[in-house]
Each structure stands twice: as structure tokens, then as C-alpha cells.
């Protein structure tokens, strides 16, 4: 016997992560801007920076692909907005936000299914 997932709890969990991702991006981007920090030097200044930067880039590409595929599968519209907004805010905001909206869509589909 399988149990039904708690979609509301998942929605809230992902929404909280999205808010934390947005706030941390805004705070630390603000600090970096005020201090005049160079993002390219920070992202690609050393071999360790390259590892972290490429790791994040690959995860963002995979996450974006997942978002596109899931949105198409579930009939979610305007998924491209999440990807575009992530370039202005942070993927740490838009990916959990997408996951929250995905849970909402799954809940809607389950409610419509007899």
C-alpha cells in the first residue's frame, strides 16, 4: 500500500527554500556590489573556484532541463520565466520556487483525477 504524498508540506518546504535563496542572493549580491567585488575573479580566480563554478553551472543546466521537461509533462506554462529570472536573482531562488509550483500543479492534477 502506498501513501499519498503531503503536497502542501512539500510546497511550503520548497517555498521556504526559495525565499531563503532569494534573500541570501539579494544580501550577498548587495554586499559584493557595494564592495566593488569582481565576479569573474571570484568565480574563476583559482582551481578551487573553477571546480565550484563549474559544479554550480552543471547543476543549473541539469535543473533547467528538468524544469523544462517537467513543465511540459505536467502542462505548466511559462517555465522559461524561472530560467530567465534565475539570471537576475539566483538559481537558488528559482529552482525551489519551480519545485513548489510543481507540487501545487501535482496537487491540482490529483484533485482532478477521480
PDB file of N, CA and C in Angstrom:
ATOM      1  N   UNK A   1       0.825  -1.174   0.000  1.00  0.00           N
ATOM      2  CA  UNK A   1       0.000   0.000   0.000  1.00  0.00           C
ATOM      3  C   UNK A   1       0.883   1.256   0.000  1.00  0.00           C
ATOM      4  N   UNK A   2       0.612   2.139  -0.935  1.00  0.00           N
ATOM      5  CA  UNK A   2       1.394   3.371  -0.996  1.00  0.00           C
ATOM      6  C   UNK A   2       0.633   4.499  -0.320  1.00  0.00           C
ATOM      7  N   UNK A   3       1.395   5.384   0.277  1.00  0.00           N
ATOM      8  CA  UNK A   3       0.768   6.526   0.928  1.00  0.00           C
ATOM      9  C   UNK A   3       0.822   7.728  -0.010  1.00  0.00           C
ATOM     10  N   UNK A   4      -0.159   8.579   0.120  1.00  0.00           N
ATOM     11  CA  UNK A   4      -0.245   9.775  -0.704  1.00  0.00           C
ATOM     12  C   UNK A   4       0.721  10.821  -0.150  1.00  0.00           C
ATOM     13  N   UNK A   5       1.540  11.441  -1.029  1.00  0.00           N
ATOM     14  CA  UNK A   5       2.485  12.448  -0.528  1.00  0.00           C
ATOM     15  C   UNK A   5       1.759  13.678   0.000  1.00  0.00           C
ATOM     16  N   UNK A   6       2.354  14.307   0.984  1.00  0.00           N
ATOM     17  CA  UNK A   6       1.805  15.537   1.545  1.00  0.00           C
ATOM     18  C   UNK A   6       2.282  16.703   0.678  1.00  0.00           C
ATOM     19  N   UNK A   7       1.516  17.001  -0.343  1.00  0.00           N
ATOM     20  CA  UNK A   7       1.889  18.027  -1.323  1.00  0.00           C
ATOM     21  C   UNK A   7       1.989  19.411  -0.678  1.00  0.00           C
ATOM     22  N   UNK A   8       1.103  19.715   0.264  1.00  0.00           N
ATOM     23  CA  UNK A   8       1.133  21.031   0.912  1.00  0.00           C
ATOM     24  C   UNK A   8       2.429  21.213   1.693  1.00  0.00           C
ATOM     25  N   UNK A   9       2.854  20.189   2.412  1.00  0.00           N
ATOM     26  CA  UNK A   9       4.104  20.275   3.175  1.00  0.00           C
ATOM     27  C   UNK A   9       5.295  20.444   2.233  1.00  0.00           C
ATOM     28  N   UNK A  10       5.285  19.719   1.133  1.00  0.00           N
ATOM     29  CA  UNK A  10       6.362  19.855   0.154  1.00  0.00           C
ATOM     30  C   UNK A  10       6.358  21.247  -0.465  1.00  0.00           C
ATOM     31  N   UNK A  11       5.164  21.747  -0.786  1.00  0.00           N
ATOM     32  CA  UNK A  11       5.040  23.084  -1.347  1.00  0.00           C
ATOM     33  C   UNK A  11       5.653  24.120  -0.402  1.00  0.00           C
ATOM     34  N   UNK A  12       5.293  24.049   0.874  1.00  0.00           N
ATOM     35  CA  UNK A  12       5.803  25.003   1.870  1.00  0.00           C
ATOM     36  C   UNK A  12       7.316  24.852   2.028  1.00  0.00           C
ATOM     37  N   UNK A  13       7.813  23.628   2.068  1.00  0.00           N
ATOM     38  CA  UNK A  13       9.253  23.375   2.188  1.00  0.00           C
ATOM     39  C   UNK A  13      10.012  24.033   1.043  1.00  0.00           C
ATOM     40  N   UNK A  14       9.584  23.793  -0.192  1.00  0.00           N
ATOM     41  CA  UNK A  14      10.267  24.367  -1.344  1.00  0.00           C
ATOM     42  C   UNK A  14      10.104  25.886  -1.394  1.00  0.00           C
ATOM     43  N   UNK A  15       8.960  26.380  -0.973  1.00  0.00           N
ATOM     44  CA  UNK A  15       8.742  27.823  -0.954  1.00  0.00           C
ATOM     45  C   UNK A  15       9.674  28.501   0.058  1.00  0.00           C
ATOM     46  N   UNK A  16       9.858  27.884   1.207  1.00  0.00           N
ATOM     47  CA  UNK A  16      10.788  28.426   2.207  1.00  0.00           C
ATOM     48  C   UNK A  16      12.212  28.441   1.651  1.00  0.00           C
ATOM     49  N   UNK A  17      12.612  27.362   0.987  1.00  0.00           N
ATOM     50  CA  UNK A  17      13.948  27.331   0.365  1.00  0.00           C
ATOM     51  C   UNK A  17      14.095  28.431  -0.674  1.00  0.00           C
ATOM     52  N   UNK A  18      13.043  28.659  -1.462  1.00  0.00           N
ATOM     53  CA  UNK A  18      13.087  29.714  -2.481  1.00  0.00           C
ATOM     54  C   UNK A  18      13.271  31.083  -1.831  1.00  0.00           C
ATOM     55  N   UNK A  19      12.541  31.331  -0.758  1.00  0.00           N
ATOM     56  CA  UNK A  19      12.659  32.619  -0.066  1.00  0.00           C
ATOM     57  C   UNK A  19      14.057  32.796   0.500  1.00  0.00           C
ATOM     58  N   UNK A  20      14.590  31.748   1.116  1.00  0.00           N
ATOM     59  CA  UNK A  20      15.958  31.815   1.649  1.00  0.00           C
ATOM     60  C   UNK A  20      16.947  32.054   0.516  1.00  0.00           C
ATOM     61  N   UNK A  21      16.763  31.362  -0.613  1.00  0.00           N
ATOM     62  CA  UNK A  21      17.640  31.561  -1.764  1.00  0.00           C
ATOM     63  C   UNK A  21      17.588  32.979  -2.296  1.00  0.00           C
ATOM     64  N   UNK A  22      16.397  33.562  -2.334  1.00  0.00           N
ATOM     65  CA  UNK A  22      16.257  34.943  -2.812  1.00  0.00           C
ATOM     66  C   UNK A  22      16.897  35.929  -1.843  1.00  0.00           C
ATOM     67  N   UNK A  23      16.613  35.768  -0.561  1.00  0.00           N
ATOM     68  CA  UNK A  23      17.154  36.699   0.436  1.00  0.00           C
ATOM     69  C   UNK A  23      18.675  36.632   0.479  1.00  0.00           C
ATOM     70  N   UNK A  24      19.233  35.430   0.498  1.00  0.00           N
ATOM     71  CA  UNK A  24      20.695  35.326   0.552  1.00  0.00           C
ATOM     72  C   UNK A  24      21.331  35.899  -0.711  1.00  0.00           C
ATOM     73  N   UNK A  25      20.720  35.665  -1.865  1.00  0.00           N
ATOM     74  CA  UNK A  25      21.259  36.225  -3.108  1.00  0.00           C
ATOM     75  C   UNK A  25      21.223  37.747  -3.068  1.00  0.00           C
ATOM     76  N   UNK A  26      20.112  38.310  -2.607  1.00  0.00           N
ATOM     77  CA  UNK A  26      19.992  39.771  -2.547  1.00  0.00           C
ATOM     78  C   UNK A  26      21.001  40.369  -1.565  1.00  0.00           C
ATOM     79  N   UNK A  27      21.114  39.768  -0.400  1.00  0.00           N
ATOM     80  CA  UNK A  27      22.021  40.300   0.623  1.00  0.00           C
ATOM     81  C   UNK A  27      23.467  40.234   0.144  1.00  0.00           C
ATOM     82  N   UNK A  28      23.906  39.064  -0.297  1.00  0.00           N
ATOM     83  CA  UNK A  28      25.316  38.911  -0.650  1.00  0.00           C
ATOM     84  C   UNK A  28      25.670  39.563  -1.981  1.00  0.00           C
ATOM     85  N   UNK A  29      24.726  39.639  -2.918  1.00  0.00           N
ATOM     86  CA  UNK A  29      24.980  40.416  -4.137  1.00  0.00           C
ATOM     87  C   UNK A  29      25.067  41.896  -3.805  1.00  0.00           C
ATOM     88  N   UNK A  30      24.241  42.344  -2.867  1.00  0.00           N
ATOM     89  CA  UNK A  30      24.320  43.739  -2.426  1.00  0.00           C
ATOM     90  C   UNK A  30      25.657  44.054  -1.795  1.00  0.00           C
ATOM     91  N   UNK A  31      26.115  43.178  -0.924  1.00  0.00           N
ATOM     92  CA  UNK A  31      27.422  43.371  -0.274  1.00  0.00           C
ATOM     93  C   UNK A  31      28.529  43.385  -1.316  1.00  0.00           C
ATOM     94  N   UNK A  32      28.494  42.425  -2.246  1.00  0.00           N
ATOM     95  CA  UNK A  32      29.522  42.348  -3.289  1.00  0.00           C
ATOM     96  C   UNK A  32      29.517  43.601  -4.160  1.00  0.00           C
ATOM     97  N   UNK A  33      28.343  44.109  -4.487  1.00  0.00           N
ATOM     98  CA  UNK A  33      28.246  45.316  -5.316  1.00  0.00           C
ATOM     99  C   UNK A  33      28.785  46.541  -4.585  1.00  0.00           C
ATOM    100  N   UNK A  34      28.415  46.686  -3.325  1.00  0.00           N
ATOM    101  CA  UNK A  34      28.879  47.831  -2.538  1.00  0.00           C
ATOM    102  C   UNK A  34      30.400  47.802  -2.390  1.00  0.00           C
ATOM    103  N   UNK A  35      30.952  46.608  -2.229  1.00  0.00           N
ATOM    104  CA  UNK A  35      32.402  46.465  -2.070  1.00  0.00           C
ATOM    105  C   UNK A  35      33.139  46.475  -3.399  1.00  0.00           C
ATOM    106  N   UNK A  36      32.395  46.510  -4.508  1.00  0.00           N
ATOM    107  CA  UNK A  36      33.022  46.553  -5.832  1.00  0.00           C
ATOM    108  C   UNK A  36      33.767  45.279  -6.190  1.00  0.00           C
ATOM    109  N   UNK A  37      33.276  44.157  -5.731  1.00  0.00           N
ATOM    110  CA  UNK A  37      33.952  42.886  -5.999  1.00  0.00           C
ATOM    111  C   UNK A  37      33.781  42.469  -7.456  1.00  0.00           C
ATOM    112  N   UNK A  38      34.782  41.799  -7.978  1.00  0.00           N
ATOM    113  CA  UNK A  38      34.794  41.330  -9.356  1.00  0.00           C
ATOM    114  C   UNK A  38      34.295  39.887  -9.398  1.00  0.00           C
ATOM    115  N   UNK A  39      33.135  39.680  -9.999  1.00  0.00           N
ATOM    116  CA  UNK A  39      32.540  38.340 -10.040  1.00  0.00           C
ATOM    117  C   UNK A  39      33.393  37.355 -10.830  1.00  0.00           C
ATOM    118  N   UNK A  40      33.981  37.780 -11.933  1.00  0.00           N
ATOM    119  CA  UNK A  40      34.796  36.859 -12.725  1.00  0.00           C
ATOM    120  C   UNK A  40      36.008  36.367 -11.952  1.00  0.00           C
ATOM    121  N   UNK A  41      36.662  37.268 -11.227  1.00  0.00           N
ATOM    122  CA  UNK A  41      37.793  36.847 -10.392  1.00  0.00           C
ATOM    123  C   UNK A  41      37.336  35.897  -9.295  1.00  0.00           C
ATOM    124  N   UNK A  42      36.170  36.192  -8.714  1.00  0.00           N
ATOM    125  CA  UNK A  42      35.666  35.356  -7.630  1.00  0.00           C
ATOM    126  C   UNK A  42      35.271  33.971  -8.144  1.00  0.00           C
ATOM    127  N   UNK A  43      34.675  33.919  -9.321  1.00  0.00           N
ATOM    128  CA  UNK A  43      34.203  32.642  -9.852  1.00  0.00           C
ATOM    129  C   UNK A  43      35.330  31.805 -10.458  1.00  0.00           C
ATOM    130  N   UNK A  44      36.330  32.458 -11.039  1.00  0.00           N
ATOM    131  CA  UNK A  44      37.337  31.714 -11.797  1.00  0.00           C
ATOM    132  C   UNK A  44      38.761  32.094 -11.423  1.00  0.00           C
ATOM    133  N   UNK A  45      38.967  32.546 -10.186  1.00  0.00           N
ATOM    134  CA  UNK A  45      40.283  33.002  -9.755  1.00  0.00           C
ATOM    135  C   UNK A  45      41.282  31.895  -9.467  1.00  0.00           C
ATOM    136  N   UNK A  46      40.806  30.738  -9.047  1.00  0.00           N
ATOM    137  CA  UNK A  46      41.710  29.637  -8.720  1.00  0.00           C
ATOM    138  C   UNK A  46      41.089  28.318  -9.194  1.00  0.00           C
ATOM    139  N   UNK A  47      41.853  27.251  -9.096  1.00  0.00           N
ATOM    140  CA  UNK A  47      41.330  25.940  -9.496  1.00  0.00           C
ATOM    141  C   UNK A  47      40.130  25.540  -8.640  1.00  0.00           C
ATOM    142  N   UNK A  48      40.176  25.866  -7.359  1.00  0.00           N
ATOM    143  CA  UNK A  48      39.042  25.558  -6.472  1.00  0.00           C
ATOM    144  C   UNK A  48      37.807  26.346  -6.894  1.00  0.00           C
ATOM    145  N   UNK A  49      37.999  27.603  -7.288  1.00  0.00           N
ATOM    146  CA  UNK A  49      36.883  28.412  -7.766  1.00  0.00           C
ATOM    147  C   UNK A  49      36.283  27.807  -9.041  1.00  0.00           C
ATOM    148  N   UNK A  50      37.137  27.331  -9.935  1.00  0.00           N
ATOM    149  CA  UNK A  50      36.666  26.692 -11.168  1.00  0.00           C
ATOM    150  C   UNK A  50      35.819  25.465 -10.847  1.00  0.00           C
ATOM    151  N   UNK A  51      36.269  24.657  -9.895  1.00  0.00           N
ATOM    152  CA  UNK A  51      35.518  23.454  -9.523  1.00  0.00           C
ATOM    153  C   UNK A  51      34.123  23.835  -9.044  1.00  0.00           C
ATOM    154  N   UNK A  52      34.056  24.775  -8.119  1.00  0.00           N
ATOM    155  CA  UNK A  52      32.764  25.190  -7.580  1.00  0.00           C
ATOM    156  C   UNK A  52      31.889  25.847  -8.645  1.00  0.00           C
ATOM    157  N   UNK A  53      32.486  26.696  -9.465  1.00  0.00           N
ATOM    158  CA  UNK A  53      31.725  27.391 -10.506  1.00  0.00           C
ATOM    159  C   UNK A  53      31.166  26.417 -11.536  1.00  0.00           C
ATOM    160  N   UNK A  54      31.984  25.491 -11.992  1.00  0.00           N
ATOM    161  CA  UNK A  54      31.514  24.516 -12.975  1.00  0.00           C
ATOM    162  C   UNK A  54      30.504  23.554 -12.357  1.00  0.00           C
ATOM    163  N   UNK A  55      30.686  23.223 -11.095  1.00  0.00           N
ATOM    164  CA  UNK A  55      29.725  22.384 -10.392  1.00  0.00           C
ATOM    165  C   UNK A  55      28.351  23.055 -10.383  1.00  0.00           C
ATOM    166  N   UNK A  56      28.327  24.312 -10.005  1.00  0.00           N
ATOM    167  CA  UNK A  56      27.064  25.058  -9.960  1.00  0.00           C
ATOM    168  C   UNK A  56      26.481  25.213 -11.359  1.00  0.00           C
ATOM    169  N   UNK A  57      27.318  25.488 -12.346  1.00  0.00           N
ATOM    170  CA  UNK A  57      26.850  25.635 -13.725  1.00  0.00           C
ATOM    171  C   UNK A  57      26.205  24.347 -14.238  1.00  0.00           C
ATOM    172  N   UNK A  58      26.845  23.219 -13.989  1.00  0.00           N
ATOM    173  CA  UNK A  58      26.303  21.931 -14.448  1.00  0.00           C
ATOM    174  C   UNK A  58      24.986  21.622 -13.736  1.00  0.00           C
ATOM    175  N   UNK A  59      24.905  21.880 -12.449  1.00  0.00           N
ATOM    176  CA  UNK A  59      23.656  21.668 -11.710  1.00  0.00           C
ATOM    177  C   UNK A  59      22.564  22.591 -12.250  1.00  0.00           C
ATOM    178  N   UNK A  60      22.894  23.834 -12.553  1.00  0.00           N
ATOM    179  CA  UNK A  60      21.907  24.774 -13.089  1.00  0.00           C
ATOM    180  C   UNK A  60      21.408  24.332 -14.460  1.00  0.00           C
ATOM    181  N   UNK A  61      22.293  23.810 -15.289  1.00  0.00           N
ATOM    182  CA  UNK A  61      21.879  23.308 -16.607  1.00  0.00           C
ATOM    183  C   UNK A  61      20.965  22.095 -16.447  1.00  0.00           C
ATOM    184  N   UNK A  62      21.367  21.158 -15.590  1.00  0.00           N
ATOM    185  CA  UNK A  62      20.535  19.972 -15.345  1.00  0.00           C
ATOM    186  C   UNK A  62      19.188  20.363 -14.736  1.00  0.00           C
ATOM    187  N   UNK A  63      19.203  21.286 -13.786  1.00  0.00           N
ATOM    188  CA  UNK A  63      17.963  21.747 -13.162  1.00  0.00           C
ATOM    189  C   UNK A  63      17.061  22.449 -14.161  1.00  0.00           C
ATOM    190  N   UNK A  64      17.639  23.249 -15.034  1.00  0.00           N
ATOM    191  CA  UNK A  64      16.848  23.932 -16.060  1.00  0.00           C
ATOM    192  C   UNK A  64      16.220  22.926 -17.018  1.00  0.00           C
ATOM    193  N   UNK A  65      16.988  21.918 -17.401  1.00  0.00           N
ATOM    194  CA  UNK A  65      16.448  20.873 -18.280  1.00  0.00           C
ATOM    195  C   UNK A  65      15.304  20.130 -17.587  1.00  0.00           C
ATOM    196  N   UNK A  66      15.490  19.812 -16.315  1.00  0.00           N
ATOM    197  CA  UNK A  66      14.430  19.151 -15.548  1.00  0.00           C
ATOM    198  C   UNK A  66      13.183  20.031 -15.493  1.00  0.00           C
ATOM    199  N   UNK A  67      13.370  21.310 -15.259  1.00  0.00           N
ATOM    200  CA  UNK A  67      12.246  22.236 -15.193  1.00  0.00           C
ATOM    201  C   UNK A  67      11.476  22.243 -16.513  1.00  0.00           C
ATOM    202  N   UNK A  68      12.185  22.305 -17.616  1.00  0.00           N
ATOM    203  CA  UNK A  68      11.542  22.323 -18.936  1.00  0.00           C
ATOM    204  C   UNK A  68      10.787  21.020 -19.187  1.00  0.00           C
ATOM    205  N   UNK A  69      11.429  19.890 -18.906  1.00  0.00           N
ATOM    206  CA  UNK A  69      10.797  18.581 -19.154  1.00  0.00           C
ATOM    207  C   UNK A  69       9.579  18.365 -18.254  1.00  0.00           C
ATOM    208  N   UNK A  70       9.713  18.702 -16.972  1.00  0.00           N
ATOM    209  CA  UNK A  70       8.595  18.525 -16.035  1.00  0.00           C
ATOM    210  C   UNK A  70       7.443  19.469 -16.371  1.00  0.00           C
ATOM    211  N   UNK A  71       7.766  20.692 -16.713  1.00  0.00           N
ATOM    212  CA  UNK A  71       6.721  21.653 -17.068  1.00  0.00           C
ATOM    213  C   UNK A  71       5.941  21.169 -18.286  1.00  0.00           C
ATOM    214  N   UNK A  72       6.659  20.644 -19.252  1.00  0.00           N
ATOM    215  CA  UNK A  72       5.987  20.124 -20.451  1.00  0.00           C
ATOM    216  C   UNK A  72       5.121  18.923 -20.095  1.00  0.00           C
ATOM    217  N   UNK A  73       5.653  18.019 -19.298  1.00  0.00           N
ATOM    218  CA  UNK A  73       4.930  16.809 -18.909  1.00  0.00           C
ATOM    219  C   UNK A  73       3.658  17.135 -18.129  1.00  0.00           C
ATOM    220  N   UNK A  74       3.735  18.136 -17.258  1.00  0.00           N
ATOM    221  CA  UNK A  74       2.607  18.475 -16.385  1.00  0.00           C
ATOM    222  C   UNK A  74       1.695  19.566 -16.951  1.00  0.00           C
ATOM    223  N   UNK A  75       2.103  20.165 -18.055  1.00  0.00           N
ATOM    224  CA  UNK A  75       1.296  21.230 -18.632  1.00  0.00           C
ATOM    225  C   UNK A  75       1.450  22.559 -17.920  1.00  0.00           C
ATOM    226  N   UNK A  76       2.592  22.771 -17.296  1.00  0.00           N
ATOM    227  CA  UNK A  76       2.862  24.049 -16.621  1.00  0.00           C
ATOM    228  C   UNK A  76       3.304  25.061 -17.681  1.00  0.00           C
ATOM    229  N   UNK A  77       2.841  26.274 -17.546  1.00  0.00           N
ATOM    230  CA  UNK A  77       3.148  27.300 -18.538  1.00  0.00           C
ATOM    231  C   UNK A  77       4.224  28.254 -18.045  1.00  0.00           C
ATOM    232  N   UNK A  78       4.879  28.889 -18.981  1.00  0.00           N
ATOM    233  CA  UNK A  78       5.879  29.934 -18.748  1.00  0.00           C
ATOM    234  C   UNK A  78       7.062  29.489 -17.883  1.00  0.00           C
ATOM    235  N   UNK A  79       7.503  28.248 -18.067  1.00  0.00           N
ATOM    236  CA  UNK A  79       8.655  27.765 -17.307  1.00  0.00           C
ATOM    237  C   UNK A  79       9.909  28.561 -17.661  1.00  0.00           C
ATOM    238  N   UNK A  80       9.945  29.113 -18.858  1.00  0.00           N
ATOM    239  CA  UNK A  80      11.105  29.899 -19.276  1.00  0.00           C
ATOM    240  C   UNK A  80      11.339  31.085 -18.344  1.00  0.00           C
ATOM    241  N   UNK A  81      10.277  31.582 -17.711  1.00  0.00           N
ATOM    242  CA  UNK A  81      10.437  32.709 -16.783  1.00  0.00           C
ATOM    243  C   UNK A  81      11.330  32.356 -15.596  1.00  0.00           C
ATOM    244  N   UNK A  82      11.198  31.137 -15.089  1.00  0.00           N
ATOM    245  CA  UNK A  82      12.049  30.710 -13.976  1.00  0.00           C
ATOM    246  C   UNK A  82      13.522  30.778 -14.376  1.00  0.00           C
ATOM    247  N   UNK A  83      13.803  30.326 -15.589  1.00  0.00           N
ATOM    248  CA  UNK A  83      15.194  30.280 -16.063  1.00  0.00           C
ATOM    249  C   UNK A  83      15.727  31.686 -16.289  1.00  0.00           C
ATOM    250  N   UNK A  84      14.930  32.549 -16.906  1.00  0.00           N
ATOM    251  CA  UNK A  84      15.352  33.925 -17.147  1.00  0.00           C
ATOM    252  C   UNK A  84      15.553  34.667 -15.827  1.00  0.00           C
ATOM    253  N   UNK A  85      14.608  34.518 -14.911  1.00  0.00           N
ATOM    254  CA  UNK A  85      14.701  35.217 -13.623  1.00  0.00           C
ATOM    255  C   UNK A  85      15.903  34.733 -12.819  1.00  0.00           C
ATOM    256  N   UNK A  86      16.306  33.484 -13.013  1.00  0.00           N
ATOM    257  CA  UNK A  86      17.467  32.987 -12.273  1.00  0.00           C
ATOM    258  C   UNK A  86      18.742  33.729 -12.645  1.00  0.00           C
ATOM    259  N   UNK A  87      18.791  34.274 -13.854  1.00  0.00           N
ATOM    260  CA  UNK A  87      19.956  35.068 -14.250  1.00  0.00           C
ATOM    261  C   UNK A  87      20.014  36.423 -13.569  1.00  0.00           C
ATOM    262  N   UNK A  88      18.871  36.893 -13.090  1.00  0.00           N
ATOM    263  CA  UNK A  88      18.805  38.188 -12.418  1.00  0.00           C
ATOM    264  C   UNK A  88      18.823  38.019 -10.899  1.00  0.00           C
ATOM    265  N   UNK A  89      18.279  36.911 -10.409  1.00  0.00           N
ATOM    266  CA  UNK A  89      18.235  36.671  -8.964  1.00  0.00           C
ATOM    267  C   UNK A  89      19.254  35.589  -8.620  1.00  0.00           C
ATOM    268  N   UNK A  90      18.794  34.347  -8.579  1.00  0.00           N
ATOM    269  CA  UNK A  90      19.676  33.212  -8.300  1.00  0.00           C
ATOM    270  C   UNK A  90      18.918  31.924  -8.582  1.00  0.00           C
ATOM    271  N   UNK A  91      19.631  30.935  -9.049  1.00  0.00           N
ATOM    272  CA  UNK A  91      19.017  29.623  -9.267  1.00  0.00           C
ATOM    273  C   UNK A  91      18.577  29.030  -7.931  1.00  0.00           C
ATOM    274  N   UNK A  92      19.240  29.440  -6.856  1.00  0.00           N
ATOM    275  CA  UNK A  92      18.854  29.005  -5.503  1.00  0.00           C
ATOM    276  C   UNK A  92      17.479  29.533  -5.121  1.00  0.00           C
ATOM    277  N   UNK A  93      16.975  30.512  -5.856  1.00  0.00           N
ATOM    278  CA  UNK A  93      15.620  31.027  -5.672  1.00  0.00           C
ATOM    279  C   UNK A  93      14.655  30.358  -6.653  1.00  0.00           C
ATOM    280  N   UNK A  94      14.997  30.370  -7.928  1.00  0.00           N
ATOM    281  CA  UNK A  94      14.035  29.942  -8.944  1.00  0.00           C
ATOM    282  C   UNK A  94      13.813  28.433  -8.991  1.00  0.00           C
ATOM    283  N   UNK A  95      14.840  27.634  -8.719  1.00  0.00           N
ATOM    284  CA  UNK A  95      14.643  26.186  -8.772  1.00  0.00           C
ATOM    285  C   UNK A  95      13.711  25.696  -7.665  1.00  0.00           C
ATOM    286  N   UNK A  96      13.931  26.082  -6.395  1.00  0.00           N
ATOM    287  CA  UNK A  96      12.961  25.656  -5.378  1.00  0.00           C
ATOM    288  C   UNK A  96      11.575  26.262  -5.606  1.00  0.00           C
ATOM    289  N   UNK A  97      11.519  27.478  -6.181  1.00  0.00           N
ATOM    290  CA  UNK A  97      10.219  28.068  -6.496  1.00  0.00           C
ATOM    291  C   UNK A  97       9.502  27.219  -7.537  1.00  0.00           C
ATOM    292  N   UNK A  98      10.233  26.782  -8.563  1.00  0.00           N
ATOM    293  CA  UNK A  98       9.643  25.886  -9.559  1.00  0.00           C
ATOM    294  C   UNK A  98       9.156  24.598  -8.893  1.00  0.00           C
ATOM    295  N   UNK A  99       9.968  24.029  -8.011  1.00  0.00           N
ATOM    296  CA  UNK A  99       9.567  22.790  -7.337  1.00  0.00           C
ATOM    297  C   UNK A  99       8.311  22.992  -6.496  1.00  0.00           C
ATOM    298  N   UNK A 100       8.186  24.157  -5.865  1.00  0.00           N
ATOM    299  CA  UNK A 100       6.968  24.467  -5.105  1.00  0.00           C
ATOM    300  C   UNK A 100       5.761  24.539  -6.038  1.00  0.00           C
ATOM    301  N   UNK A 101       5.925  25.222  -7.163  1.00  0.00           N
ATOM    302  CA  UNK A 101       4.825  25.336  -8.123  1.00  0.00           C
ATOM    303  C   UNK A 101       4.496  23.987  -8.759  1.00  0.00           C
ATOM    304  N   UNK A 102       5.507  23.140  -8.898  1.00  0.00           N
ATOM    305  CA  UNK A 102       5.298  21.777  -9.397  1.00  0.00           C
ATOM    306  C   UNK A 102       4.432  20.991  -8.427  1.00  0.00           C
ATOM    307  N   UNK A 103       4.716  21.120  -7.128  1.00  0.00           N
ATOM    308  CA  UNK A 103       3.896  20.436  -6.120  1.00  0.00           C
ATOM    309  C   UNK A 103       2.456  20.927  -6.169  1.00  0.00           C
ATOM    310  N   UNK A 104       2.302  22.219  -6.363  1.00  0.00           N
ATOM    311  CA  UNK A 104       0.949  22.788  -6.470  1.00  0.00           C
ATOM    312  C   UNK A 104       0.229  22.203  -7.689  1.00  0.00           C
ATOM    313  N   UNK A 105       0.935  22.094  -8.809  1.00  0.00           N
ATOM    314  CA  UNK A 105       0.344  21.536 -10.031  1.00  0.00           C
ATOM    315  C   UNK A 105       0.000  20.066  -9.840  1.00  0.00           C
ATOM    316  N   UNK A 106       0.891  19.305  -9.216  1.00  0.00           N
ATOM    317  CA  UNK A 106       0.613  17.891  -8.954  1.00  0.00           C
ATOM    318  C   UNK A 106      -0.602  17.733  -8.050  1.00  0.00           C
ATOM    319  N   UNK A 107      -0.736  18.603  -7.066  1.00  0.00           N
ATOM    320  CA  UNK A 107      -1.895  18.575  -6.180  1.00  0.00           C
ATOM    321  C   UNK A 107      -3.167  18.863  -6.968  1.00  0.00           C
ATOM    322  N   UNK A 108      -3.109  19.812  -7.864  1.00  0.00           N
ATOM    323  CA  UNK A 108      -4.252  20.158  -8.709  1.00  0.00           C
ATOM    324  C   UNK A 108      -4.624  18.978  -9.602  1.00  0.00           C
ATOM    325  N   UNK A 109      -3.639  18.320 -10.191  1.00  0.00           N
ATOM    326  CA  UNK A 109      -3.892  17.161 -11.057  1.00  0.00           C
ATOM    327  C   UNK A 109      -4.515  16.037 -10.243  1.00  0.00           C
ATOM    328  N   UNK A 110      -3.990  15.786  -9.044  1.00  0.00           N
ATOM    329  CA  UNK A 110      -4.533  14.727  -8.190  1.00  0.00           C
ATOM    330  C   UNK A 110      -5.978  15.032  -7.780  1.00  0.00           C
ATOM    331  N   UNK A 111      -6.286  16.296  -7.539  1.00  0.00           N
ATOM    332  CA  UNK A 111      -7.660  16.676  -7.148  1.00  0.00           C
ATOM    333  C   UNK A 111      -8.644  16.477  -8.303  1.00  0.00           C
ATOM    334  N   UNK A 112      -8.146  16.638  -9.528  1.00  0.00           N
ATOM    335  CA  UNK A 112      -8.998  16.499 -10.705  1.00  0.00           C
ATOM    336  C   UNK A 112      -9.179  15.038 -11.121  1.00  0.00           C
ATOM    337  N   UNK A 113      -8.287  14.169 -10.667  1.00  0.00           N
ATOM    338  CA  UNK A 113      -8.337  12.754 -11.036  1.00  0.00           C
ATOM    339  C   UNK A 113      -9.293  12.018 -10.098  1.00  0.00           C
ATOM    340  N   UNK A 114     -10.300  11.334 -10.692  1.00  0.00           N
ATOM    341  CA  UNK A 114     -11.270  10.613  -9.838  1.00  0.00           C
ATOM    342  C   UNK A 114     -10.665   9.407  -9.147  1.00  0.00           C
TER     343      UNK A 114
END
